[in-house]
Amino acid sequence: MIENTKLTALVASRICHDMVEPMSAIIQGLEMLKSDDGKIDPDALSLLDNGVGKAWAKLEFFRFALAGAIAQGDSSLEEGRAVAHKLYSVLKPELKWNAPDVAMPRPAVRVIVNLLLIANECLPRGGVVEVTAAKHGAGVDVVVAASGARAKLRETTAAALRGDESELSGHTIQPTLTALLARQGDVELLTRESEERVELIARSTAFKV
């Protein structure tokens, strides 16, 4: 089990890593405005707009996906839809949400949203991430599928999703937390890979269409 102090430090490391790019754009835009003798530079405004948009979307994502992880209660897949679309508005891949509203425990909603960030990391050249859901036996499978050139799931990420904490780092803390949330929400995590496609599957008898 991960110590709370180590968990907190690694979560902070991951958030800082993801915030570097948008904050750099904001700083660069501000510096350009300062050196422009009072003139409005469209490039500076574009950098600021882009940086602020990305920073806000990522903060919203992390607030939902990582903070308040112990929250309990009933919810549905729809709760994560807005934050997912906001996140993907600043990422390379296109998000297609083709899932019906699935009733599930609140920790399970966070599991799905976290899988969406992992799906993005499987697509270094962009592509399409699609969310679908279908009945499976007595429960439901929610599938987050990443399709695109060189789609690949890192082995360390796959191991973390299986609950392996031996390679714990700032890069693996997010899938590690996803696995913890899955156990909390009674969710089984599975992965499938084929040519230029990675499927991240959340399966549970607690899911109801």
N, C-alpha and C. Protein backbone atom coordinates (compact mmCIF):
# COMPACT_ATOMS: atom_id res chain seq x y z
N MET A 1 0.85 -1.19 0.00
CA MET A 1 0.00 0.00 0.00
C MET A 1 0.89 1.25 0.00
N ILE A 2 0.50 2.27 -0.74
CA ILE A 2 1.31 3.47 -0.85
C ILE A 2 1.15 4.33 0.40
N GLU A 3 2.29 4.85 0.94
CA GLU A 3 2.23 5.77 2.06
C GLU A 3 1.60 7.08 1.61
N ASN A 4 0.81 7.70 2.51
CA ASN A 4 0.10 8.94 2.15
C ASN A 4 1.05 10.05 1.73
N THR A 5 2.19 10.19 2.41
CA THR A 5 3.13 11.26 2.07
C THR A 5 3.72 11.05 0.67
N LYS A 6 4.04 9.79 0.36
CA LYS A 6 4.58 9.49 -0.97
C LYS A 6 3.52 9.69 -2.04
N LEU A 7 2.30 9.28 -1.73
CA LEU A 7 1.18 9.45 -2.65
C LEU A 7 0.97 10.91 -2.98
N THR A 8 0.96 11.75 -1.94
CA THR A 8 0.75 13.19 -2.13
C THR A 8 1.86 13.80 -2.98
N ALA A 9 3.09 13.42 -2.69
CA ALA A 9 4.24 13.97 -3.43
C ALA A 9 4.18 13.58 -4.90
N LEU A 10 3.81 12.34 -5.19
CA LEU A 10 3.76 11.88 -6.58
C LEU A 10 2.60 12.51 -7.34
N VAL A 11 1.47 12.69 -6.67
CA VAL A 11 0.34 13.37 -7.31
C VAL A 11 0.73 14.81 -7.65
N ALA A 12 1.38 15.49 -6.71
CA ALA A 12 1.84 16.86 -6.95
C ALA A 12 2.82 16.91 -8.11
N SER A 13 3.72 15.91 -8.17
CA SER A 13 4.69 15.85 -9.26
C SER A 13 3.99 15.70 -10.61
N ARG A 14 2.98 14.85 -10.66
CA ARG A 14 2.26 14.62 -11.91
C ARG A 14 1.52 15.88 -12.36
N ILE A 15 0.86 16.55 -11.42
CA ILE A 15 0.12 17.77 -11.76
C ILE A 15 1.09 18.84 -12.26
N CYS A 16 2.21 19.01 -11.56
CA CYS A 16 3.20 20.00 -11.99
C CYS A 16 3.71 19.70 -13.39
N HIS A 17 3.97 18.42 -13.67
CA HIS A 17 4.45 18.01 -14.99
C HIS A 17 3.46 18.41 -16.08
N ASP A 18 2.18 18.18 -15.84
CA ASP A 18 1.17 18.47 -16.84
C ASP A 18 0.88 19.96 -16.99
N MET A 19 1.23 20.75 -15.96
CA MET A 19 0.95 22.18 -16.01
C MET A 19 2.09 22.99 -16.59
N VAL A 20 3.25 22.37 -16.82
CA VAL A 20 4.41 23.11 -17.32
C VAL A 20 4.12 23.75 -18.67
N GLU A 21 3.56 22.98 -19.62
CA GLU A 21 3.34 23.51 -20.97
C GLU A 21 2.39 24.70 -20.98
N PRO A 22 1.18 24.61 -20.40
CA PRO A 22 0.30 25.77 -20.44
C PRO A 22 0.85 26.98 -19.68
N MET A 23 1.52 26.75 -18.55
CA MET A 23 2.07 27.88 -17.81
C MET A 23 3.21 28.54 -18.58
N SER A 24 3.99 27.76 -19.30
CA SER A 24 5.06 28.33 -20.13
C SER A 24 4.49 29.22 -21.22
N ALA A 25 3.37 28.79 -21.81
CA ALA A 25 2.72 29.60 -22.85
C ALA A 25 2.20 30.91 -22.26
N ILE A 26 1.65 30.86 -21.06
CA ILE A 26 1.15 32.07 -20.39
C ILE A 26 2.29 33.03 -20.11
N ILE A 27 3.38 32.51 -19.57
CA ILE A 27 4.54 33.35 -19.24
C ILE A 27 5.13 33.97 -20.50
N GLN A 28 5.25 33.16 -21.56
CA GLN A 28 5.81 33.67 -22.82
C GLN A 28 4.92 34.78 -23.39
N GLY A 29 3.61 34.57 -23.33
CA GLY A 29 2.68 35.58 -23.83
C GLY A 29 2.78 36.87 -23.05
N LEU A 30 2.90 36.78 -21.73
CA LEU A 30 3.04 37.98 -20.89
C LEU A 30 4.34 38.71 -21.19
N GLU A 31 5.42 37.96 -21.38
CA GLU A 31 6.71 38.58 -21.70
C GLU A 31 6.64 39.32 -23.03
N MET A 32 5.94 38.74 -24.00
CA MET A 32 5.79 39.40 -25.30
C MET A 32 5.00 40.69 -25.18
N LEU A 33 3.98 40.69 -24.34
CA LEU A 33 3.18 41.91 -24.13
C LEU A 33 4.01 43.00 -23.47
N LYS A 34 4.85 42.61 -22.51
CA LYS A 34 5.68 43.57 -21.80
C LYS A 34 6.70 44.23 -22.72
N SER A 35 7.18 43.50 -23.72
CA SER A 35 8.24 44.03 -24.59
C SER A 35 7.69 44.68 -25.85
N ASP A 36 6.38 44.90 -25.89
CA ASP A 36 5.76 45.42 -27.11
C ASP A 36 5.40 46.90 -27.05
N ASP A 37 5.97 47.63 -26.09
CA ASP A 37 5.76 49.08 -25.99
C ASP A 37 4.28 49.46 -25.99
N GLY A 38 3.50 48.69 -25.29
CA GLY A 38 2.08 49.03 -25.17
C GLY A 38 1.21 48.57 -26.32
N LYS A 39 1.81 48.05 -27.38
CA LYS A 39 1.02 47.57 -28.52
C LYS A 39 0.50 46.15 -28.24
N ILE A 40 -0.67 45.86 -28.78
CA ILE A 40 -1.25 44.54 -28.60
C ILE A 40 -0.74 43.62 -29.70
N ASP A 41 0.00 42.61 -29.32
CA ASP A 41 0.54 41.63 -30.26
C ASP A 41 -0.43 40.45 -30.34
N PRO A 42 -1.01 40.20 -31.53
CA PRO A 42 -1.94 39.08 -31.67
C PRO A 42 -1.32 37.73 -31.28
N ASP A 43 -0.03 37.56 -31.55
CA ASP A 43 0.64 36.30 -31.19
C ASP A 43 0.70 36.14 -29.68
N ALA A 44 0.94 37.24 -28.97
CA ALA A 44 0.99 37.19 -27.51
C ALA A 44 -0.38 36.83 -26.95
N LEU A 45 -1.42 37.45 -27.50
CA LEU A 45 -2.77 37.15 -27.04
C LEU A 45 -3.15 35.69 -27.32
N SER A 46 -2.68 35.18 -28.47
CA SER A 46 -2.96 33.80 -28.83
C SER A 46 -2.28 32.84 -27.84
N LEU A 47 -1.03 33.15 -27.48
CA LEU A 47 -0.31 32.33 -26.51
C LEU A 47 -1.01 32.34 -25.15
N LEU A 48 -1.45 33.53 -24.73
CA LEU A 48 -2.15 33.65 -23.46
C LEU A 48 -3.45 32.87 -23.47
N ASP A 49 -4.20 33.04 -24.56
CA ASP A 49 -5.48 32.36 -24.67
C ASP A 49 -5.31 30.84 -24.65
N ASN A 50 -4.32 30.37 -25.41
CA ASN A 50 -4.05 28.93 -25.47
C ASN A 50 -3.58 28.40 -24.12
N GLY A 51 -2.68 29.12 -23.48
CA GLY A 51 -2.14 28.68 -22.19
C GLY A 51 -3.19 28.66 -21.10
N VAL A 52 -4.00 29.70 -21.03
CA VAL A 52 -5.05 29.76 -20.01
C VAL A 52 -6.08 28.66 -20.24
N GLY A 53 -6.45 28.44 -21.51
CA GLY A 53 -7.43 27.40 -21.83
C GLY A 53 -6.95 26.02 -21.42
N LYS A 54 -5.68 25.71 -21.74
CA LYS A 54 -5.12 24.41 -21.39
C LYS A 54 -4.98 24.25 -19.88
N ALA A 55 -4.51 25.32 -19.22
CA ALA A 55 -4.33 25.25 -17.77
C ALA A 55 -5.66 25.01 -17.07
N TRP A 56 -6.69 25.74 -17.48
CA TRP A 56 -8.00 25.60 -16.84
C TRP A 56 -8.59 24.21 -17.07
N ALA A 57 -8.48 23.72 -18.30
CA ALA A 57 -9.03 22.39 -18.62
C ALA A 57 -8.32 21.31 -17.81
N LYS A 58 -7.00 21.40 -17.69
CA LYS A 58 -6.26 20.37 -16.96
C LYS A 58 -6.51 20.45 -15.46
N LEU A 59 -6.63 21.68 -14.93
CA LEU A 59 -6.94 21.81 -13.50
C LEU A 59 -8.33 21.25 -13.19
N GLU A 60 -9.29 21.53 -14.07
CA GLU A 60 -10.64 20.98 -13.90
C GLU A 60 -10.59 19.46 -13.91
N PHE A 61 -9.80 18.92 -14.84
CA PHE A 61 -9.68 17.46 -14.92
C PHE A 61 -9.10 16.89 -13.63
N PHE A 62 -7.97 17.44 -13.19
CA PHE A 62 -7.32 16.89 -12.01
C PHE A 62 -8.17 17.06 -10.76
N ARG A 63 -8.89 18.17 -10.68
CA ARG A 63 -9.79 18.37 -9.53
C ARG A 63 -10.84 17.27 -9.47
N PHE A 64 -11.35 16.89 -10.63
CA PHE A 64 -12.37 15.84 -10.67
C PHE A 64 -11.78 14.45 -10.53
N ALA A 65 -10.71 14.18 -11.27
CA ALA A 65 -10.18 12.82 -11.37
C ALA A 65 -9.33 12.40 -10.18
N LEU A 66 -8.59 13.33 -9.58
CA LEU A 66 -7.66 12.97 -8.53
C LEU A 66 -8.08 13.45 -7.16
N ALA A 67 -8.69 14.62 -7.08
CA ALA A 67 -9.10 15.15 -5.78
C ALA A 67 -10.41 14.50 -5.36
N GLY A 68 -10.65 14.49 -4.07
CA GLY A 68 -11.90 13.93 -3.57
C GLY A 68 -12.09 12.47 -3.93
N ALA A 69 -10.98 11.73 -3.99
CA ALA A 69 -11.05 10.35 -4.45
C ALA A 69 -11.82 9.43 -3.52
N ILE A 70 -12.04 9.86 -2.26
CA ILE A 70 -12.75 9.00 -1.33
C ILE A 70 -14.26 9.22 -1.36
N ALA A 71 -14.70 10.16 -2.21
CA ALA A 71 -16.14 10.45 -2.29
C ALA A 71 -16.92 9.20 -2.66
N GLN A 72 -18.01 9.01 -1.93
CA GLN A 72 -18.84 7.83 -2.16
C GLN A 72 -20.18 8.25 -2.75
N GLY A 73 -21.08 7.29 -2.89
CA GLY A 73 -22.43 7.59 -3.35
C GLY A 73 -22.66 7.11 -4.77
N ASP A 74 -23.91 7.21 -5.18
CA ASP A 74 -24.31 6.78 -6.52
C ASP A 74 -24.16 7.92 -7.52
N SER A 75 -23.81 7.57 -8.72
CA SER A 75 -23.67 8.57 -9.77
C SER A 75 -23.95 7.88 -11.11
N SER A 76 -23.46 8.49 -12.19
CA SER A 76 -23.59 7.88 -13.51
C SER A 76 -22.45 8.37 -14.39
N LEU A 77 -22.25 7.68 -15.48
CA LEU A 77 -21.17 8.01 -16.41
C LEU A 77 -21.29 9.44 -16.91
N GLU A 78 -22.51 9.94 -17.02
CA GLU A 78 -22.74 11.28 -17.54
C GLU A 78 -22.04 12.36 -16.72
N GLU A 79 -21.80 12.08 -15.43
CA GLU A 79 -21.14 13.06 -14.57
C GLU A 79 -19.75 13.41 -15.09
N GLY A 80 -19.09 12.46 -15.73
CA GLY A 80 -17.74 12.71 -16.21
C GLY A 80 -17.66 13.26 -17.62
N ARG A 81 -18.79 13.36 -18.29
CA ARG A 81 -18.78 13.74 -19.71
C ARG A 81 -18.29 15.17 -19.94
N ALA A 82 -18.77 16.11 -19.15
CA ALA A 82 -18.40 17.52 -19.36
C ALA A 82 -16.91 17.74 -19.15
N VAL A 83 -16.36 17.17 -18.06
CA VAL A 83 -14.94 17.37 -17.78
C VAL A 83 -14.09 16.68 -18.84
N ALA A 84 -14.59 15.56 -19.38
CA ALA A 84 -13.86 14.85 -20.44
C ALA A 84 -13.79 15.68 -21.71
N HIS A 85 -14.93 16.25 -22.10
CA HIS A 85 -14.95 17.08 -23.31
C HIS A 85 -14.08 18.33 -23.15
N LYS A 86 -14.09 18.91 -21.96
CA LYS A 86 -13.26 20.09 -21.73
C LYS A 86 -11.78 19.74 -21.83
N LEU A 87 -11.40 18.59 -21.26
CA LEU A 87 -10.00 18.16 -21.34
C LEU A 87 -9.60 17.93 -22.79
N TYR A 88 -10.43 17.23 -23.55
CA TYR A 88 -10.07 16.90 -24.93
C TYR A 88 -10.13 18.09 -25.88
N SER A 89 -10.72 19.17 -25.43
CA SER A 89 -10.71 20.38 -26.27
C SER A 89 -9.30 20.97 -26.38
N VAL A 90 -8.39 20.55 -25.48
CA VAL A 90 -7.02 21.06 -25.52
C VAL A 90 -6.00 19.96 -25.79
N LEU A 91 -6.47 18.77 -26.15
CA LEU A 91 -5.57 17.65 -26.47
C LEU A 91 -5.62 17.36 -27.97
N LYS A 92 -4.64 16.59 -28.45
CA LYS A 92 -4.57 16.28 -29.88
C LYS A 92 -5.72 15.39 -30.37
N PRO A 93 -6.00 14.27 -29.70
CA PRO A 93 -7.02 13.36 -30.24
C PRO A 93 -8.42 13.97 -30.19
N GLU A 94 -9.27 13.43 -31.03
CA GLU A 94 -10.69 13.79 -31.03
C GLU A 94 -11.42 12.84 -30.09
N LEU A 95 -12.33 13.38 -29.29
CA LEU A 95 -13.12 12.55 -28.38
C LEU A 95 -14.50 12.30 -28.95
N LYS A 96 -14.87 11.03 -29.03
CA LYS A 96 -16.22 10.65 -29.46
C LYS A 96 -16.90 9.93 -28.30
N TRP A 97 -17.96 10.51 -27.81
CA TRP A 97 -18.68 9.95 -26.67
C TRP A 97 -19.93 9.25 -27.20
N ASN A 98 -19.86 7.95 -27.34
CA ASN A 98 -20.97 7.17 -27.91
C ASN A 98 -21.54 6.18 -26.90
N ALA A 99 -21.43 6.51 -25.62
CA ALA A 99 -21.93 5.63 -24.57
C ALA A 99 -23.26 6.13 -24.03
N PRO A 100 -24.16 5.22 -23.72
CA PRO A 100 -25.38 5.62 -23.02
C PRO A 100 -25.04 6.01 -21.59
N ASP A 101 -25.98 6.59 -20.88
CA ASP A 101 -25.73 6.93 -19.48
C ASP A 101 -25.78 5.66 -18.65
N VAL A 102 -24.67 5.35 -17.99
CA VAL A 102 -24.55 4.12 -17.20
C VAL A 102 -24.53 4.48 -15.72
N ALA A 103 -25.45 3.92 -14.94
CA ALA A 103 -25.44 4.14 -13.50
C ALA A 103 -24.27 3.40 -12.88
N MET A 104 -23.56 4.06 -11.94
CA MET A 104 -22.38 3.46 -11.33
C MET A 104 -22.02 4.23 -10.06
N PRO A 105 -21.22 3.63 -9.17
CA PRO A 105 -20.74 4.36 -7.99
C PRO A 105 -19.86 5.54 -8.42
N ARG A 106 -19.82 6.60 -7.61
CA ARG A 106 -19.04 7.79 -7.97
C ARG A 106 -17.55 7.50 -8.19
N PRO A 107 -16.90 6.67 -7.37
CA PRO A 107 -15.49 6.38 -7.66
C PRO A 107 -15.29 5.78 -9.06
N ALA A 108 -16.29 5.04 -9.55
CA ALA A 108 -16.17 4.42 -10.87
C ALA A 108 -16.20 5.47 -11.97
N VAL A 109 -16.94 6.56 -11.77
CA VAL A 109 -16.94 7.65 -12.76
C VAL A 109 -15.54 8.21 -12.89
N ARG A 110 -14.86 8.37 -11.76
CA ARG A 110 -13.48 8.88 -11.78
C ARG A 110 -12.54 7.88 -12.48
N VAL A 111 -12.84 6.61 -12.34
CA VAL A 111 -12.04 5.60 -13.05
C VAL A 111 -12.12 5.83 -14.55
N ILE A 112 -13.33 6.02 -15.07
CA ILE A 112 -13.52 6.22 -16.51
C ILE A 112 -12.81 7.48 -16.98
N VAL A 113 -12.95 8.56 -16.22
CA VAL A 113 -12.31 9.82 -16.60
C VAL A 113 -10.79 9.68 -16.60
N ASN A 114 -10.25 8.97 -15.63
CA ASN A 114 -8.81 8.72 -15.62
C ASN A 114 -8.37 7.88 -16.81
N LEU A 115 -9.19 6.92 -17.21
CA LEU A 115 -8.86 6.11 -18.38
C LEU A 115 -8.79 6.98 -19.64
N LEU A 116 -9.58 8.04 -19.67
CA LEU A 116 -9.55 8.94 -20.83
C LEU A 116 -8.21 9.66 -20.95
N LEU A 117 -7.61 10.02 -19.82
CA LEU A 117 -6.29 10.65 -19.88
C LEU A 117 -5.23 9.64 -20.31
N ILE A 118 -5.35 8.41 -19.83
CA ILE A 118 -4.42 7.35 -20.23
C ILE A 118 -4.55 7.07 -21.72
N ALA A 119 -5.79 7.10 -22.23
CA ALA A 119 -6.01 6.87 -23.67
C ALA A 119 -5.31 7.94 -24.49
N ASN A 120 -5.34 9.18 -24.04
CA ASN A 120 -4.63 10.25 -24.75
C ASN A 120 -3.14 9.96 -24.82
N GLU A 121 -2.57 9.44 -23.74
CA GLU A 121 -1.14 9.15 -23.70
C GLU A 121 -0.76 7.98 -24.61
N CYS A 122 -1.76 7.20 -25.02
CA CYS A 122 -1.51 6.08 -25.95
C CYS A 122 -1.39 6.56 -27.39
N LEU A 123 -1.69 7.84 -27.64
CA LEU A 123 -1.74 8.36 -29.02
C LEU A 123 -0.75 9.50 -29.20
N PRO A 124 0.54 9.20 -29.38
CA PRO A 124 1.55 10.26 -29.50
C PRO A 124 1.35 11.13 -30.74
N ARG A 125 0.69 10.61 -31.75
CA ARG A 125 0.45 11.39 -32.98
C ARG A 125 -1.01 11.80 -33.14
N GLY A 126 -1.76 11.72 -32.08
CA GLY A 126 -3.17 12.05 -32.16
C GLY A 126 -3.98 10.90 -32.72
N GLY A 127 -5.26 11.12 -32.87
CA GLY A 127 -6.15 10.08 -33.36
C GLY A 127 -7.54 10.29 -32.82
N VAL A 128 -8.21 9.21 -32.47
CA VAL A 128 -9.58 9.27 -31.97
C VAL A 128 -9.69 8.45 -30.70
N VAL A 129 -10.33 9.02 -29.70
CA VAL A 129 -10.66 8.29 -28.47
C VAL A 129 -12.17 8.20 -28.40
N GLU A 130 -12.66 6.97 -28.32
CA GLU A 130 -14.11 6.74 -28.31
C GLU A 130 -14.54 6.06 -27.02
N VAL A 131 -15.64 6.55 -26.46
CA VAL A 131 -16.21 5.95 -25.25
C VAL A 131 -17.50 5.23 -25.63
N THR A 132 -17.58 3.94 -25.32
CA THR A 132 -18.78 3.15 -25.59
C THR A 132 -19.10 2.33 -24.34
N ALA A 133 -20.29 1.78 -24.31
CA ALA A 133 -20.69 0.92 -23.19
C ALA A 133 -21.67 -0.11 -23.70
N ALA A 134 -21.56 -1.32 -23.16
CA ALA A 134 -22.46 -2.41 -23.56
C ALA A 134 -22.56 -3.41 -22.42
N LYS A 135 -23.67 -4.12 -22.38
CA LYS A 135 -23.87 -5.14 -21.36
C LYS A 135 -22.85 -6.27 -21.54
N HIS A 136 -22.38 -6.79 -20.42
CA HIS A 136 -21.46 -7.93 -20.44
C HIS A 136 -21.86 -8.84 -19.28
N GLY A 137 -22.47 -9.95 -19.60
CA GLY A 137 -22.93 -10.85 -18.55
C GLY A 137 -23.93 -10.15 -17.64
N ALA A 138 -23.65 -10.18 -16.34
CA ALA A 138 -24.54 -9.56 -15.37
C ALA A 138 -24.25 -8.07 -15.18
N GLY A 139 -23.22 -7.59 -15.84
CA GLY A 139 -22.85 -6.19 -15.68
C GLY A 139 -22.73 -5.45 -17.00
N VAL A 140 -21.84 -4.47 -17.00
CA VAL A 140 -21.64 -3.61 -18.18
C VAL A 140 -20.14 -3.36 -18.35
N ASP A 141 -19.69 -3.33 -19.60
CA ASP A 141 -18.35 -2.89 -19.96
C ASP A 141 -18.41 -1.46 -20.46
N VAL A 142 -17.61 -0.58 -19.89
CA VAL A 142 -17.38 0.75 -20.46
C VAL A 142 -16.01 0.70 -21.11
N VAL A 143 -15.96 0.96 -22.41
CA VAL A 143 -14.72 0.83 -23.18
C VAL A 143 -14.24 2.20 -23.63
N VAL A 144 -12.99 2.50 -23.30
CA VAL A 144 -12.33 3.72 -23.80
C VAL A 144 -11.29 3.24 -24.81
N ALA A 145 -11.56 3.48 -26.09
CA ALA A 145 -10.70 2.96 -27.16
C ALA A 145 -9.91 4.10 -27.81
N ALA A 146 -8.59 3.93 -27.86
CA ALA A 146 -7.69 4.90 -28.49
C ALA A 146 -7.22 4.34 -29.82
N SER A 147 -7.54 5.02 -30.91
CA SER A 147 -7.15 4.56 -32.25
C SER A 147 -6.35 5.63 -32.96
N GLY A 148 -5.20 5.24 -33.52
CA GLY A 148 -4.38 6.20 -34.24
C GLY A 148 -3.00 5.64 -34.52
N ALA A 149 -2.22 6.39 -35.27
CA ALA A 149 -0.87 5.96 -35.64
C ALA A 149 -0.01 5.73 -34.40
N ARG A 150 0.64 4.57 -34.36
CA ARG A 150 1.55 4.19 -33.28
C ARG A 150 0.85 4.15 -31.92
N ALA A 151 -0.44 3.83 -31.91
CA ALA A 151 -1.15 3.69 -30.63
C ALA A 151 -0.48 2.60 -29.80
N LYS A 152 -0.15 2.92 -28.55
CA LYS A 152 0.58 1.96 -27.72
C LYS A 152 0.35 2.28 -26.25
N LEU A 153 0.10 1.23 -25.47
CA LEU A 153 -0.02 1.37 -24.02
C LEU A 153 1.33 1.03 -23.39
N ARG A 154 1.89 1.95 -22.64
CA ARG A 154 3.16 1.68 -21.98
C ARG A 154 3.03 0.51 -21.03
N GLU A 155 4.05 -0.32 -20.97
CA GLU A 155 4.01 -1.49 -20.09
C GLU A 155 3.91 -1.07 -18.63
N THR A 156 4.61 0.00 -18.25
CA THR A 156 4.54 0.46 -16.85
C THR A 156 3.13 0.93 -16.51
N THR A 157 2.45 1.56 -17.48
CA THR A 157 1.08 2.00 -17.26
C THR A 157 0.15 0.80 -17.12
N ALA A 158 0.33 -0.19 -18.01
CA ALA A 158 -0.49 -1.41 -17.95
C ALA A 158 -0.29 -2.12 -16.62
N ALA A 159 0.95 -2.18 -16.15
CA ALA A 159 1.24 -2.83 -14.87
C ALA A 159 0.57 -2.09 -13.72
N ALA A 160 0.64 -0.75 -13.77
CA ALA A 160 0.01 0.05 -12.71
C ALA A 160 -1.50 -0.17 -12.69
N LEU A 161 -2.11 -0.29 -13.86
CA LEU A 161 -3.55 -0.54 -13.93
C LEU A 161 -3.90 -1.91 -13.35
N ARG A 162 -2.95 -2.83 -13.39
CA ARG A 162 -3.16 -4.16 -12.82
C ARG A 162 -2.94 -4.16 -11.30
N GLY A 163 -2.50 -3.02 -10.77
CA GLY A 163 -2.27 -2.93 -9.33
C GLY A 163 -0.84 -3.12 -8.92
N ASP A 164 0.08 -3.20 -9.87
CA ASP A 164 1.51 -3.35 -9.59
C ASP A 164 2.09 -1.99 -9.24
N GLU A 165 2.57 -1.83 -8.00
CA GLU A 165 3.10 -0.55 -7.53
C GLU A 165 4.63 -0.55 -7.48
N SER A 166 5.27 -1.54 -8.11
CA SER A 166 6.73 -1.66 -8.02
C SER A 166 7.46 -0.58 -8.80
N GLU A 167 6.81 -0.01 -9.83
CA GLU A 167 7.46 1.03 -10.64
C GLU A 167 6.83 2.39 -10.37
N LEU A 168 6.48 2.65 -9.13
CA LEU A 168 5.77 3.87 -8.78
C LEU A 168 6.64 5.11 -9.00
N SER A 169 6.08 6.07 -9.75
CA SER A 169 6.79 7.31 -10.06
C SER A 169 5.76 8.37 -10.44
N GLY A 170 6.26 9.57 -10.76
CA GLY A 170 5.35 10.62 -11.21
C GLY A 170 4.62 10.25 -12.48
N HIS A 171 5.23 9.38 -13.30
CA HIS A 171 4.60 8.97 -14.56
C HIS A 171 3.55 7.89 -14.35
N THR A 172 3.70 7.08 -13.31
CA THR A 172 2.76 5.97 -13.09
C THR A 172 1.75 6.23 -11.99
N ILE A 173 1.86 7.38 -11.31
CA ILE A 173 0.95 7.63 -10.19
C ILE A 173 -0.50 7.72 -10.65
N GLN A 174 -0.73 8.29 -11.82
CA GLN A 174 -2.12 8.45 -12.27
C GLN A 174 -2.79 7.10 -12.57
N PRO A 175 -2.16 6.18 -13.33
CA PRO A 175 -2.77 4.86 -13.49
C PRO A 175 -2.82 4.06 -12.19
N THR A 176 -1.87 4.30 -11.28
CA THR A 176 -1.90 3.64 -9.98
C THR A 176 -3.12 4.08 -9.19
N LEU A 177 -3.40 5.38 -9.19
CA LEU A 177 -4.59 5.90 -8.52
C LEU A 177 -5.86 5.39 -9.20
N THR A 178 -5.80 5.25 -10.51
CA THR A 178 -6.95 4.70 -11.25
C THR A 178 -7.26 3.29 -10.77
N ALA A 179 -6.22 2.48 -10.57
CA ALA A 179 -6.41 1.12 -10.06
C ALA A 179 -6.98 1.12 -8.64
N LEU A 180 -6.52 2.07 -7.81
CA LEU A 180 -7.05 2.18 -6.45
C LEU A 180 -8.53 2.56 -6.47
N LEU A 181 -8.87 3.51 -7.33
CA LEU A 181 -10.27 3.91 -7.47
C LEU A 181 -11.12 2.76 -7.99
N ALA A 182 -10.55 1.97 -8.89
CA ALA A 182 -11.29 0.82 -9.44
C ALA A 182 -11.64 -0.17 -8.34
N ARG A 183 -10.67 -0.43 -7.46
CA ARG A 183 -10.96 -1.34 -6.35
C ARG A 183 -12.01 -0.75 -5.42
N GLN A 184 -11.94 0.56 -5.21
CA GLN A 184 -12.91 1.23 -4.35
C GLN A 184 -14.31 1.19 -4.96
N GLY A 185 -14.38 1.27 -6.29
CA GLY A 185 -15.68 1.30 -6.96
C GLY A 185 -16.13 -0.04 -7.47
N ASP A 186 -15.45 -1.13 -7.07
CA ASP A 186 -15.81 -2.49 -7.49
C ASP A 186 -15.76 -2.63 -9.01
N VAL A 187 -14.66 -2.16 -9.59
CA VAL A 187 -14.49 -2.17 -11.05
C VAL A 187 -13.28 -3.03 -11.42
N GLU A 188 -13.44 -3.89 -12.41
CA GLU A 188 -12.33 -4.67 -12.95
C GLU A 188 -11.78 -3.93 -14.16
N LEU A 189 -10.46 -3.75 -14.19
CA LEU A 189 -9.82 -3.07 -15.31
C LEU A 189 -9.14 -4.09 -16.23
N LEU A 190 -9.39 -3.96 -17.52
CA LEU A 190 -8.76 -4.84 -18.51
C LEU A 190 -8.23 -3.98 -19.65
N THR A 191 -7.25 -4.52 -20.36
CA THR A 191 -6.71 -3.83 -21.53
C THR A 191 -6.61 -4.79 -22.70
N ARG A 192 -6.81 -4.25 -23.90
CA ARG A 192 -6.63 -5.02 -25.13
C ARG A 192 -5.88 -4.15 -26.12
N GLU A 193 -4.96 -4.76 -26.86
CA GLU A 193 -4.21 -4.03 -27.87
C GLU A 193 -4.25 -4.77 -29.20
N SER A 194 -4.39 -4.00 -30.26
CA SER A 194 -4.26 -4.52 -31.61
C SER A 194 -3.54 -3.45 -32.42
N GLU A 195 -3.40 -3.66 -33.70
CA GLU A 195 -2.64 -2.70 -34.51
C GLU A 195 -3.30 -1.32 -34.48
N GLU A 196 -2.55 -0.34 -33.98
CA GLU A 196 -2.98 1.05 -33.92
C GLU A 196 -4.27 1.24 -33.12
N ARG A 197 -4.47 0.40 -32.10
CA ARG A 197 -5.67 0.52 -31.27
C ARG A 197 -5.39 -0.04 -29.87
N VAL A 198 -5.79 0.73 -28.87
CA VAL A 198 -5.69 0.30 -27.48
C VAL A 198 -7.07 0.45 -26.85
N GLU A 199 -7.53 -0.61 -26.20
CA GLU A 199 -8.82 -0.56 -25.51
C GLU A 199 -8.59 -0.67 -24.00
N LEU A 200 -9.14 0.29 -23.28
CA LEU A 200 -9.11 0.30 -21.82
C LEU A 200 -10.53 0.03 -21.36
N ILE A 201 -10.71 -1.05 -20.61
CA ILE A 201 -12.06 -1.53 -20.30
C ILE A 201 -12.30 -1.49 -18.80
N ALA A 202 -13.41 -0.88 -18.41
CA ALA A 202 -13.87 -0.88 -17.02
C ALA A 202 -15.11 -1.76 -16.96
N ARG A 203 -15.03 -2.84 -16.20
CA ARG A 203 -16.12 -3.83 -16.15
C ARG A 203 -16.62 -3.98 -14.72
N SER A 204 -17.95 -3.98 -14.56
CA SER A 204 -18.49 -4.14 -13.22
C SER A 204 -19.94 -4.58 -13.27
N THR A 205 -20.30 -5.43 -12.33
CA THR A 205 -21.71 -5.81 -12.16
C THR A 205 -22.49 -4.69 -11.47
N ALA A 206 -21.76 -3.68 -10.94
CA ALA A 206 -22.42 -2.53 -10.32
C ALA A 206 -22.89 -1.51 -11.37
N PHE A 207 -22.43 -1.67 -12.62
CA PHE A 207 -22.84 -0.76 -13.69
C PHE A 207 -24.22 -1.20 -14.22
N LYS A 208 -25.09 -0.24 -14.42
CA LYS A 208 -26.42 -0.53 -14.95
C LYS A 208 -26.77 0.44 -16.07
N VAL A 209 -27.17 -0.13 -17.23
CA VAL A 209 -27.60 0.72 -18.35
C VAL A 209 -29.07 1.03 -18.19
